[in-house]
């Protein structure tokens, strides 16, 4: 089980720190710690370290440990820490064991490497990882790891499994799974730029989501989510027009911007992360960087930081 003995998972906005790199290619420890500290102070519900936005696919074993240690230390026991595990099955099990060793509360199971598996194969992949530790586990629906209702239901036999994060966007499947399993799992919206789709997910019982913009404008994430929960439709619509859709429009211009645009936003907002990303990702082009600057300038004028108190 998790380090505090709990199988519960906090609802709300989840923080996914990036992995800052120096020009030399090494992890920038100082920038990493600042990113983690910022998210903790901004009251995210949990930290997910070394996942998609943290460039999981590009991390070496020592770097992976470095990130987890920084997150566990930086969380100061105020928020739970989850890691990313995935790839080939041996590596995924090792990463889960390392996460437990270093004091994480749980992990998000990223898709296995390359293979398009049958449901039986996917079940055994996930049950092998889940049963390797007592940590809380979250399955991730996306790419080549899409579980049907029966497979998810079989996996719920493991008490370690506490949630499902959806990055697929198949709403018919989401209805089937949530209506079948109800409150057994925590339902998390993990779509790229989850604020875009959150109104649809929220009505299905998805009360938790990963927010890319929480890395640099978390107060706007809070304003948006509070307005959504209170059914303040005019405010939600205005946030779409002013901030969410303009950023999403930039994000879709290049593959990989789901990660590199976060770093650009953080740099624009004065955080020392730089723009370096590891191949095959590419940094944000100058033209798109300027577009993001303009969007954020407007966002901060219309929604100044004092609005943090609204949450």
C-alpha atoms as a PDB file:
ATOM      1  CA  UNK A   1       0.000   0.000   0.000  1.00  0.00           C
ATOM      2  CA  UNK A   2       1.016   3.653  -0.035  1.00  0.00           C
ATOM      3  CA  UNK A   3       3.535   4.958   2.447  1.00  0.00           C
ATOM      4  CA  UNK A   4       0.825   6.315   4.750  1.00  0.00           C
ATOM      5  CA  UNK A   5      -1.217   3.106   4.576  1.00  0.00           C
ATOM      6  CA  UNK A   6      -3.949   4.692   2.466  1.00  0.00           C
ATOM      7  CA  UNK A   7      -5.651   3.354  -0.640  1.00  0.00           C
ATOM      8  CA  UNK A   8      -7.528   6.579  -1.261  1.00  0.00           C
ATOM      9  CA  UNK A   9      -6.592   9.119  -3.896  1.00  0.00           C
ATOM     10  CA  UNK A  10      -7.185  12.876  -3.605  1.00  0.00           C
ATOM     11  CA  UNK A  11      -9.564  14.495  -6.055  1.00  0.00           C
ATOM     12  CA  UNK A  12      -8.748  17.667  -7.935  1.00  0.00           C
ATOM     13  CA  UNK A  13      -5.894  18.962 -10.077  1.00  0.00           C
ATOM     14  CA  UNK A  14      -2.807  16.767 -10.437  1.00  0.00           C
ATOM     15  CA  UNK A  15       0.675  18.226 -10.889  1.00  0.00           C
ATOM     16  CA  UNK A  16       2.983  16.700 -13.491  1.00  0.00           C
ATOM     17  CA  UNK A  17       6.458  18.262 -13.149  1.00  0.00           C
ATOM     18  CA  UNK A  18       8.671  18.522 -16.211  1.00  0.00           C
ATOM     19  CA  UNK A  19      12.267  17.325 -16.254  1.00  0.00           C
ATOM     20  CA  UNK A  20      14.468  20.394 -16.789  1.00  0.00           C
ATOM     21  CA  UNK A  21      17.729  19.798 -18.651  1.00  0.00           C
ATOM     22  CA  UNK A  22      20.918  21.821 -18.709  1.00  0.00           C
ATOM     23  CA  UNK A  23      22.492  22.711 -22.048  1.00  0.00           C
ATOM     24  CA  UNK A  24      24.991  19.929 -21.309  1.00  0.00           C
ATOM     25  CA  UNK A  25      22.075  17.474 -21.331  1.00  0.00           C
ATOM     26  CA  UNK A  26      22.108  16.685 -17.619  1.00  0.00           C
ATOM     27  CA  UNK A  27      19.060  17.031 -15.385  1.00  0.00           C
ATOM     28  CA  UNK A  28      18.963  20.507 -13.855  1.00  0.00           C
ATOM     29  CA  UNK A  29      18.511  19.620 -10.188  1.00  0.00           C
ATOM     30  CA  UNK A  30      17.910  23.195  -9.039  1.00  0.00           C
ATOM     31  CA  UNK A  31      15.207  23.851 -11.630  1.00  0.00           C
ATOM     32  CA  UNK A  32      13.614  20.479 -10.866  1.00  0.00           C
ATOM     33  CA  UNK A  33      13.392  21.272  -7.164  1.00  0.00           C
ATOM     34  CA  UNK A  34      11.913  24.690  -7.899  1.00  0.00           C
ATOM     35  CA  UNK A  35       9.248  23.157 -10.163  1.00  0.00           C
ATOM     36  CA  UNK A  36       8.283  20.648  -7.476  1.00  0.00           C
ATOM     37  CA  UNK A  37       8.242  23.285  -4.727  1.00  0.00           C
ATOM     38  CA  UNK A  38       6.070  25.564  -6.880  1.00  0.00           C
ATOM     39  CA  UNK A  39       3.484  22.838  -7.494  1.00  0.00           C
ATOM     40  CA  UNK A  40       3.349  21.849  -3.819  1.00  0.00           C
ATOM     41  CA  UNK A  41       2.830  25.476  -2.779  1.00  0.00           C
ATOM     42  CA  UNK A  42       0.080  25.788  -5.404  1.00  0.00           C
ATOM     43  CA  UNK A  43      -1.854  22.988  -3.678  1.00  0.00           C
ATOM     44  CA  UNK A  44      -1.969  20.351  -6.398  1.00  0.00           C
ATOM     45  CA  UNK A  45      -3.672  17.176  -5.186  1.00  0.00           C
ATOM     46  CA  UNK A  46      -0.707  14.932  -6.028  1.00  0.00           C
ATOM     47  CA  UNK A  47       2.649  15.003  -7.794  1.00  0.00           C
ATOM     48  CA  UNK A  48       3.274  12.669 -10.734  1.00  0.00           C
ATOM     49  CA  UNK A  49       7.019  12.615 -11.308  1.00  0.00           C
ATOM     50  CA  UNK A  50       8.815  11.081 -14.282  1.00  0.00           C
ATOM     51  CA  UNK A  51       5.675  10.608 -16.364  1.00  0.00           C
ATOM     52  CA  UNK A  52       4.802  11.884 -19.846  1.00  0.00           C
ATOM     53  CA  UNK A  53       5.459  15.560 -19.192  1.00  0.00           C
ATOM     54  CA  UNK A  54       8.638  14.511 -17.376  1.00  0.00           C
ATOM     55  CA  UNK A  55       9.931  12.804 -20.558  1.00  0.00           C
ATOM     56  CA  UNK A  56       9.783   9.334 -18.990  1.00  0.00           C
ATOM     57  CA  UNK A  57      10.876   7.712 -22.244  1.00  0.00           C
ATOM     58  CA  UNK A  58      14.190   9.586 -22.214  1.00  0.00           C
ATOM     59  CA  UNK A  59      15.310   9.057 -18.622  1.00  0.00           C
ATOM     60  CA  UNK A  60      18.183   6.856 -17.511  1.00  0.00           C
ATOM     61  CA  UNK A  61      17.965   4.766 -14.339  1.00  0.00           C
ATOM     62  CA  UNK A  62      20.036   7.193 -12.253  1.00  0.00           C
ATOM     63  CA  UNK A  63      17.985  10.139 -13.503  1.00  0.00           C
ATOM     64  CA  UNK A  64      14.764   8.298 -12.698  1.00  0.00           C
ATOM     65  CA  UNK A  65      15.946   7.832  -9.119  1.00  0.00           C
ATOM     66  CA  UNK A  66      17.058  11.463  -8.997  1.00  0.00           C
ATOM     67  CA  UNK A  67      13.587  12.663  -9.944  1.00  0.00           C
ATOM     68  CA  UNK A  68      11.786  10.467  -7.427  1.00  0.00           C
ATOM     69  CA  UNK A  69      14.109  11.484  -4.604  1.00  0.00           C
ATOM     70  CA  UNK A  70      13.570  15.152  -5.432  1.00  0.00           C
ATOM     71  CA  UNK A  71       9.776  14.735  -5.502  1.00  0.00           C
ATOM     72  CA  UNK A  72       9.563  12.729  -2.274  1.00  0.00           C
ATOM     73  CA  UNK A  73      11.798  15.221  -0.485  1.00  0.00           C
ATOM     74  CA  UNK A  74      10.129  18.266  -2.043  1.00  0.00           C
ATOM     75  CA  UNK A  75       6.586  17.116  -1.305  1.00  0.00           C
ATOM     76  CA  UNK A  76       7.322  17.454   2.435  1.00  0.00           C
ATOM     77  CA  UNK A  77       4.563  14.870   3.030  1.00  0.00           C
ATOM     78  CA  UNK A  78       1.997  17.496   2.028  1.00  0.00           C
ATOM     79  CA  UNK A  79       0.911  15.727  -1.159  1.00  0.00           C
ATOM     80  CA  UNK A  80       1.281  12.122  -2.340  1.00  0.00           C
ATOM     81  CA  UNK A  81       3.975  11.321  -4.898  1.00  0.00           C
ATOM     82  CA  UNK A  82       3.319   9.051  -7.862  1.00  0.00           C
ATOM     83  CA  UNK A  83       5.853   7.910 -10.455  1.00  0.00           C
ATOM     84  CA  UNK A  84       5.658   6.746 -14.048  1.00  0.00           C
ATOM     85  CA  UNK A  85       6.380   3.069 -14.752  1.00  0.00           C
ATOM     86  CA  UNK A  86       6.243   1.354 -18.123  1.00  0.00           C
ATOM     87  CA  UNK A  87       8.190   0.094 -21.116  1.00  0.00           C
ATOM     88  CA  UNK A  88       9.166  -3.559 -21.146  1.00  0.00           C
ATOM     89  CA  UNK A  89       7.790  -5.632 -18.307  1.00  0.00           C
ATOM     90  CA  UNK A  90      11.134  -6.159 -16.538  1.00  0.00           C
ATOM     91  CA  UNK A  91      11.811  -2.417 -16.506  1.00  0.00           C
ATOM     92  CA  UNK A  92       8.277  -1.611 -15.364  1.00  0.00           C
ATOM     93  CA  UNK A  93       8.550  -3.981 -12.393  1.00  0.00           C
ATOM     94  CA  UNK A  94      11.978  -2.582 -11.505  1.00  0.00           C
ATOM     95  CA  UNK A  95      10.637   0.978 -11.661  1.00  0.00           C
ATOM     96  CA  UNK A  96       7.731   0.066  -9.387  1.00  0.00           C
ATOM     97  CA  UNK A  97      10.168  -1.504  -6.907  1.00  0.00           C
ATOM     98  CA  UNK A  98      12.441   1.561  -7.036  1.00  0.00           C
ATOM     99  CA  UNK A  99       9.408   3.787  -6.458  1.00  0.00           C
ATOM    100  CA  UNK A 100       8.514   1.792  -3.358  1.00  0.00           C
ATOM    101  CA  UNK A 101      12.123   1.794  -2.155  1.00  0.00           C
ATOM    102  CA  UNK A 102      12.415   5.580  -2.452  1.00  0.00           C
ATOM    103  CA  UNK A 103       9.178   6.349  -0.635  1.00  0.00           C
ATOM    104  CA  UNK A 104       6.665   7.096  -3.401  1.00  0.00           C
ATOM    105  CA  UNK A 105       2.973   6.564  -2.678  1.00  0.00           C
ATOM    106  CA  UNK A 106       2.155   4.917  -5.982  1.00  0.00           C
ATOM    107  CA  UNK A 107       2.671   4.935  -9.715  1.00  0.00           C
ATOM    108  CA  UNK A 108       0.978   5.505 -13.059  1.00  0.00           C
ATOM    109  CA  UNK A 109       1.320   2.550 -15.426  1.00  0.00           C
ATOM    110  CA  UNK A 110       2.347   3.870 -18.825  1.00  0.00           C
ATOM    111  CA  UNK A 111       1.862   1.767 -21.979  1.00  0.00           C
ATOM    112  CA  UNK A 112       4.172  -1.217 -22.572  1.00  0.00           C
ATOM    113  CA  UNK A 113       6.774  -0.840 -25.306  1.00  0.00           C
ATOM    114  CA  UNK A 114       5.516  -0.956 -28.912  1.00  0.00           C
ATOM    115  CA  UNK A 115       3.456  -4.154 -28.835  1.00  0.00           C
ATOM    116  CA  UNK A 116      -0.264  -4.159 -29.631  1.00  0.00           C
ATOM    117  CA  UNK A 117      -1.290  -6.827 -27.137  1.00  0.00           C
ATOM    118  CA  UNK A 118      -4.461  -8.839 -26.761  1.00  0.00           C
ATOM    119  CA  UNK A 119      -6.561  -8.169 -23.651  1.00  0.00           C
ATOM    120  CA  UNK A 120      -5.188 -11.283 -21.956  1.00  0.00           C
ATOM    121  CA  UNK A 121      -1.631 -10.143 -22.575  1.00  0.00           C
ATOM    122  CA  UNK A 122      -2.364  -6.628 -21.320  1.00  0.00           C
ATOM    123  CA  UNK A 123      -4.013  -8.070 -18.225  1.00  0.00           C
ATOM    124  CA  UNK A 124      -0.929 -10.133 -17.381  1.00  0.00           C
ATOM    125  CA  UNK A 125       1.372  -7.169 -18.044  1.00  0.00           C
ATOM    126  CA  UNK A 126      -0.507  -4.960 -15.615  1.00  0.00           C
ATOM    127  CA  UNK A 127      -1.166  -7.640 -12.987  1.00  0.00           C
ATOM    128  CA  UNK A 128       2.550  -8.485 -12.956  1.00  0.00           C
ATOM    129  CA  UNK A 129       3.446  -4.857 -12.264  1.00  0.00           C
ATOM    130  CA  UNK A 130       0.646  -4.305  -9.749  1.00  0.00           C
ATOM    131  CA  UNK A 131       1.483  -7.435  -7.740  1.00  0.00           C
ATOM    132  CA  UNK A 132       5.201  -6.561  -7.576  1.00  0.00           C
ATOM    133  CA  UNK A 133       4.701  -3.989  -4.784  1.00  0.00           C
ATOM    134  CA  UNK A 134       2.138  -2.797  -2.265  1.00  0.00           C
ATOM    135  CA  UNK A 135       2.056   0.716  -3.734  1.00  0.00           C
ATOM    136  CA  UNK A 136      -1.093   2.298  -5.107  1.00  0.00           C
ATOM    137  CA  UNK A 137      -1.404   1.783  -8.854  1.00  0.00           C
ATOM    138  CA  UNK A 138      -3.197   3.691 -11.625  1.00  0.00           C
ATOM    139  CA  UNK A 139      -3.768   2.244 -15.104  1.00  0.00           C
ATOM    140  CA  UNK A 140      -3.483   4.564 -18.098  1.00  0.00           C
ATOM    141  CA  UNK A 141      -5.753   4.122 -21.098  1.00  0.00           C
ATOM    142  CA  UNK A 142      -3.934   5.285 -24.239  1.00  0.00           C
ATOM    143  CA  UNK A 143      -2.003   4.308 -27.352  1.00  0.00           C
ATOM    144  CA  UNK A 144      -1.342   0.550 -27.392  1.00  0.00           C
ATOM    145  CA  UNK A 145      -2.665  -0.096 -23.873  1.00  0.00           C
ATOM    146  CA  UNK A 146      -6.452   0.153 -24.061  1.00  0.00           C
ATOM    147  CA  UNK A 147      -8.309  -2.108 -21.661  1.00  0.00           C
ATOM    148  CA  UNK A 148     -11.900  -3.200 -22.126  1.00  0.00           C
ATOM    149  CA  UNK A 149     -14.452  -3.322 -19.313  1.00  0.00           C
ATOM    150  CA  UNK A 150     -13.812  -6.960 -18.412  1.00  0.00           C
ATOM    151  CA  UNK A 151     -10.048  -6.482 -18.195  1.00  0.00           C
ATOM    152  CA  UNK A 152     -10.315  -3.441 -15.944  1.00  0.00           C
ATOM    153  CA  UNK A 153     -12.824  -5.291 -13.769  1.00  0.00           C
ATOM    154  CA  UNK A 154     -10.438  -8.262 -13.437  1.00  0.00           C
ATOM    155  CA  UNK A 155      -7.633  -5.945 -12.363  1.00  0.00           C
ATOM    156  CA  UNK A 156      -9.786  -4.458  -9.601  1.00  0.00           C
ATOM    157  CA  UNK A 157      -9.300  -7.736  -7.735  1.00  0.00           C
ATOM    158  CA  UNK A 158      -5.964  -6.198  -6.710  1.00  0.00           C
ATOM    159  CA  UNK A 159      -6.526  -3.715  -3.859  1.00  0.00           C
ATOM    160  CA  UNK A 160      -3.422  -1.812  -5.035  1.00  0.00           C
ATOM    161  CA  UNK A 161      -5.337  -0.619  -8.110  1.00  0.00           C
ATOM    162  CA  UNK A 162      -7.006   2.624  -7.092  1.00  0.00           C
ATOM    163  CA  UNK A 163      -7.580   4.513 -10.332  1.00  0.00           C
ATOM    164  CA  UNK A 164      -7.846   4.703 -14.091  1.00  0.00           C
ATOM    165  CA  UNK A 165      -6.519   7.628 -16.088  1.00  0.00           C
ATOM    166  CA  UNK A 166      -7.970   8.091 -19.568  1.00  0.00           C
ATOM    167  CA  UNK A 167      -5.866   9.563 -22.353  1.00  0.00           C
ATOM    168  CA  UNK A 168      -7.814   7.920 -25.153  1.00  0.00           C
ATOM    169  CA  UNK A 169     -11.016   9.923 -25.370  1.00  0.00           C
ATOM    170  CA  UNK A 170     -13.356   7.032 -26.185  1.00  0.00           C
ATOM    171  CA  UNK A 171     -16.382   8.306 -24.292  1.00  0.00           C
ATOM    172  CA  UNK A 172     -18.522   5.242 -25.029  1.00  0.00           C
ATOM    173  CA  UNK A 173     -15.874   3.039 -23.402  1.00  0.00           C
ATOM    174  CA  UNK A 174     -15.577   5.480 -20.507  1.00  0.00           C
ATOM    175  CA  UNK A 175     -19.317   5.292 -19.893  1.00  0.00           C
ATOM    176  CA  UNK A 176     -19.211   1.485 -19.931  1.00  0.00           C
ATOM    177  CA  UNK A 177     -16.295   1.282 -17.504  1.00  0.00           C
ATOM    178  CA  UNK A 178     -17.454   3.959 -15.065  1.00  0.00           C
ATOM    179  CA  UNK A 179     -21.015   2.667 -14.992  1.00  0.00           C
ATOM    180  CA  UNK A 180     -19.801  -0.893 -14.429  1.00  0.00           C
ATOM    181  CA  UNK A 181     -17.240  -0.150 -11.716  1.00  0.00           C
ATOM    182  CA  UNK A 182     -18.740   2.968 -10.126  1.00  0.00           C
ATOM    183  CA  UNK A 183     -16.771   4.207  -7.138  1.00  0.00           C
ATOM    184  CA  UNK A 184     -14.341   1.259  -7.034  1.00  0.00           C
ATOM    185  CA  UNK A 185     -11.738   3.358  -8.890  1.00  0.00           C
ATOM    186  CA  UNK A 186     -10.825   7.026  -9.023  1.00  0.00           C
ATOM    187  CA  UNK A 187     -11.456   8.333 -12.542  1.00  0.00           C
ATOM    188  CA  UNK A 188      -8.865  10.728 -13.950  1.00  0.00           C
ATOM    189  CA  UNK A 189      -8.960  12.750 -17.148  1.00  0.00           C
ATOM    190  CA  UNK A 190      -5.538  12.414 -18.759  1.00  0.00           C
ATOM    191  CA  UNK A 191      -6.258  13.783 -22.196  1.00  0.00           C
ATOM    192  CA  UNK A 192      -3.653  16.167 -23.640  1.00  0.00           C
ATOM    193  CA  UNK A 193      -4.602  19.580 -22.228  1.00  0.00           C
ATOM    194  CA  UNK A 194      -7.316  18.068 -20.064  1.00  0.00           C
ATOM    195  CA  UNK A 195      -9.118  21.375 -19.413  1.00  0.00           C
ATOM    196  CA  UNK A 196     -10.375  21.209 -23.015  1.00  0.00           C
ATOM    197  CA  UNK A 197     -12.353  18.018 -22.392  1.00  0.00           C
ATOM    198  CA  UNK A 198     -12.999  18.252 -18.646  1.00  0.00           C
ATOM    199  CA  UNK A 199     -16.653  19.371 -18.865  1.00  0.00           C
ATOM    200  CA  UNK A 200     -17.530  16.127 -20.661  1.00  0.00           C
ATOM    201  CA  UNK A 201     -15.454  13.983 -18.303  1.00  0.00           C
ATOM    202  CA  UNK A 202     -16.704  15.642 -15.136  1.00  0.00           C
ATOM    203  CA  UNK A 203     -20.279  14.581 -15.828  1.00  0.00           C
ATOM    204  CA  UNK A 204     -19.095  10.952 -16.008  1.00  0.00           C
ATOM    205  CA  UNK A 205     -17.599  11.118 -12.529  1.00  0.00           C
ATOM    206  CA  UNK A 206     -14.049  12.133 -13.453  1.00  0.00           C
ATOM    207  CA  UNK A 207     -13.292  14.459 -10.530  1.00  0.00           C
ATOM    208  CA  UNK A 208      -9.532  14.458 -11.042  1.00  0.00           C
ATOM    209  CA  UNK A 209      -7.379  15.545 -13.962  1.00  0.00           C
ATOM    210  CA  UNK A 210      -3.809  16.216 -15.013  1.00  0.00           C
ATOM    211  CA  UNK A 211      -3.228  19.860 -15.852  1.00  0.00           C
ATOM    212  CA  UNK A 212      -0.326  20.842 -18.102  1.00  0.00           C
ATOM    213  CA  UNK A 213      -0.881  24.547 -17.469  1.00  0.00           C
ATOM    214  CA  UNK A 214      -0.684  24.036 -13.703  1.00  0.00           C
ATOM    215  CA  UNK A 215       3.097  24.094 -14.214  1.00  0.00           C
ATOM    216  CA  UNK A 216       2.966  27.793 -15.071  1.00  0.00           C
ATOM    217  CA  UNK A 217      -0.525  29.266 -14.538  1.00  0.00           C
ATOM    218  CA  UNK A 218      -2.027  27.042 -11.812  1.00  0.00           C
ATOM    219  CA  UNK A 219      -4.316  29.771 -10.542  1.00  0.00           C
ATOM    220  CA  UNK A 220      -6.138  29.662 -13.877  1.00  0.00           C
ATOM    221  CA  UNK A 221      -6.485  25.875 -13.579  1.00  0.00           C
ATOM    222  CA  UNK A 222      -8.135  26.427 -10.204  1.00  0.00           C
ATOM    223  CA  UNK A 223     -10.443  29.184 -11.449  1.00  0.00           C
ATOM    224  CA  UNK A 224     -11.501  26.959 -14.352  1.00  0.00           C
ATOM    225  CA  UNK A 225     -12.158  23.865 -12.236  1.00  0.00           C
ATOM    226  CA  UNK A 226     -14.074  25.765  -9.566  1.00  0.00           C
ATOM    227  CA  UNK A 227     -16.232  27.413 -12.228  1.00  0.00           C
ATOM    228  CA  UNK A 228     -16.879  24.031 -13.802  1.00  0.00           C
ATOM    229  CA  UNK A 229     -17.914  22.433 -10.512  1.00  0.00           C
ATOM    230  CA  UNK A 230     -20.175  25.371  -9.647  1.00  0.00           C
ATOM    231  CA  UNK A 231     -21.721  25.276 -13.135  1.00  0.00           C
ATOM    232  CA  UNK A 232     -20.648  28.852 -13.832  1.00  0.00           C
ATOM    233  CA  UNK A 233     -21.017  28.346 -17.561  1.00  0.00           C
ATOM    234  CA  UNK A 234     -20.264  31.925 -18.593  1.00  0.00           C
ATOM    235  CA  UNK A 235     -16.972  31.932 -16.690  1.00  0.00           C
ATOM    236  CA  UNK A 236     -15.985  28.551 -18.156  1.00  0.00           C
ATOM    237  CA  UNK A 237     -16.772  29.792 -21.657  1.00  0.00           C
ATOM    238  CA  UNK A 238     -14.748  32.965 -21.124  1.00  0.00           C
ATOM    239  CA  UNK A 239     -11.749  30.968 -19.908  1.00  0.00           C
ATOM    240  CA  UNK A 240     -12.002  28.823 -23.023  1.00  0.00           C
ATOM    241  CA  UNK A 241     -11.935  31.883 -25.245  1.00  0.00           C
ATOM    242  CA  UNK A 242      -9.209  33.782 -23.377  1.00  0.00           C
ATOM    243  CA  UNK A 243      -6.776  31.037 -22.386  1.00  0.00           C
ATOM    244  CA  UNK A 244      -7.586  27.380 -22.944  1.00  0.00           C
ATOM    245  CA  UNK A 245      -8.441  27.228 -26.637  1.00  0.00           C
ATOM    246  CA  UNK A 246      -5.677  29.653 -27.725  1.00  0.00           C
ATOM    247  CA  UNK A 247      -3.024  27.584 -25.911  1.00  0.00           C
ATOM    248  CA  UNK A 248      -4.515  24.363 -27.242  1.00  0.00           C
ATOM    249  CA  UNK A 249      -4.368  25.796 -30.769  1.00  0.00           C
ATOM    250  CA  UNK A 250      -0.608  26.364 -30.366  1.00  0.00           C
ATOM    251  CA  UNK A 251      -0.126  22.936 -28.782  1.00  0.00           C
ATOM    252  CA  UNK A 252      -1.536  21.177 -31.833  1.00  0.00           C
ATOM    253  CA  UNK A 253       0.857  22.854 -34.274  1.00  0.00           C
ATOM    254  CA  UNK A 254       3.723  20.412 -33.687  1.00  0.00           C
ATOM    255  CA  UNK A 255       4.017  16.868 -32.399  1.00  0.00           C
ATOM    256  CA  UNK A 256       5.599  16.855 -28.967  1.00  0.00           C
ATOM    257  CA  UNK A 257       4.369  20.302 -27.992  1.00  0.00           C
ATOM    258  CA  UNK A 258       2.350  18.635 -25.234  1.00  0.00           C
ATOM    259  CA  UNK A 259       5.691  18.577 -23.392  1.00  0.00           C
ATOM    260  CA  UNK A 260       7.861  21.317 -24.868  1.00  0.00           C
ATOM    261  CA  UNK A 261       5.077  23.927 -24.736  1.00  0.00           C
ATOM    262  CA  UNK A 262       4.910  23.430 -20.965  1.00  0.00           C
ATOM    263  CA  UNK A 263       8.577  24.326 -20.668  1.00  0.00           C
ATOM    264  CA  UNK A 264       8.051  27.355 -22.885  1.00  0.00           C
ATOM    265  CA  UNK A 265       5.159  28.509 -20.711  1.00  0.00           C
ATOM    266  CA  UNK A 266       7.216  28.043 -17.569  1.00  0.00           C
ATOM    267  CA  UNK A 267      10.088  30.045 -19.023  1.00  0.00           C
ATOM    268  CA  UNK A 268       7.734  32.855 -20.081  1.00  0.00           C
ATOM    269  CA  UNK A 269       6.360  32.963 -16.534  1.00  0.00           C
ATOM    270  CA  UNK A 270       9.856  33.316 -15.094  1.00  0.00           C
ATOM    271  CA  UNK A 271      10.716  29.766 -14.072  1.00  0.00           C
ATOM    272  CA  UNK A 272      14.303  28.679 -14.792  1.00  0.00           C
ATOM    273  CA  UNK A 273      13.628  25.445 -16.667  1.00  0.00           C
ATOM    274  CA  UNK A 274      14.949  26.374 -20.107  1.00  0.00           C
ATOM    275  CA  UNK A 275      13.541  24.904 -23.294  1.00  0.00           C
ATOM    276  CA  UNK A 276      15.818  21.893 -23.749  1.00  0.00           C
ATOM    277  CA  UNK A 277      13.989  18.645 -24.489  1.00  0.00           C
ATOM    278  CA  UNK A 278      15.379  15.271 -25.478  1.00  0.00           C
ATOM    279  CA  UNK A 279      14.866  13.793 -28.943  1.00  0.00           C
ATOM    280  CA  UNK A 280      12.552  12.884 -30.509  1.00  0.00           C
ATOM    281  CA  UNK A 281      10.864  15.926 -28.928  1.00  0.00           C
ATOM    282  CA  UNK A 282      11.668  19.359 -30.346  1.00  0.00           C
ATOM    283  CA  UNK A 283      11.660  22.766 -28.627  1.00  0.00           C
ATOM    284  CA  UNK A 284       8.955  25.305 -29.359  1.00  0.00           C
ATOM    285  CA  UNK A 285       9.591  27.354 -32.498  1.00  0.00           C
ATOM    286  CA  UNK A 286      10.158  31.079 -32.058  1.00  0.00           C
ATOM    287  CA  UNK A 287       6.916  32.038 -33.797  1.00  0.00           C
ATOM    288  CA  UNK A 288       4.852  29.755 -31.567  1.00  0.00           C
ATOM    289  CA  UNK A 289       6.756  30.896 -28.472  1.00  0.00           C
ATOM    290  CA  UNK A 290       5.741  34.488 -29.262  1.00  0.00           C
ATOM    291  CA  UNK A 291       2.130  33.402 -29.727  1.00  0.00           C
ATOM    292  CA  UNK A 292       2.204  31.762 -26.300  1.00  0.00           C
ATOM    293  CA  UNK A 293       3.730  34.896 -24.767  1.00  0.00           C
ATOM    294  CA  UNK A 294       0.822  36.929 -26.103  1.00  0.00           C
ATOM    295  CA  UNK A 295      -1.768  34.482 -24.792  1.00  0.00           C
ATOM    296  CA  UNK A 296      -0.193  34.448 -21.340  1.00  0.00           C
ATOM    297  CA  UNK A 297       0.061  38.229 -21.280  1.00  0.00           C
ATOM    298  CA  UNK A 298      -3.673  38.465 -21.922  1.00  0.00           C
ATOM    299  CA  UNK A 299      -4.371  35.698 -19.402  1.00  0.00           C
ATOM    300  CA  UNK A 300      -2.472  37.454 -16.624  1.00  0.00           C
ATOM    301  CA  UNK A 301      -4.177  40.760 -17.358  1.00  0.00           C
ATOM    302  CA  UNK A 302      -7.665  39.242 -17.223  1.00  0.00           C
ATOM    303  CA  UNK A 303      -6.986  36.732 -14.460  1.00  0.00           C
ATOM    304  CA  UNK A 304      -4.314  38.183 -12.150  1.00  0.00           C
ATOM    305  CA  UNK A 305      -2.721  36.129  -9.429  1.00  0.00           C
ATOM    306  CA  UNK A 306      -4.966  37.599  -6.731  1.00  0.00           C
ATOM    307  CA  UNK A 307      -7.718  35.357  -8.132  1.00  0.00           C
ATOM    308  CA  UNK A 308      -5.961  32.425  -6.462  1.00  0.00           C
ATOM    309  CA  UNK A 309      -8.181  33.187  -3.492  1.00  0.00           C
ATOM    310  CA  UNK A 310     -11.242  32.223  -5.507  1.00  0.00           C
ATOM    311  CA  UNK A 311     -10.374  28.505  -5.362  1.00  0.00           C
END
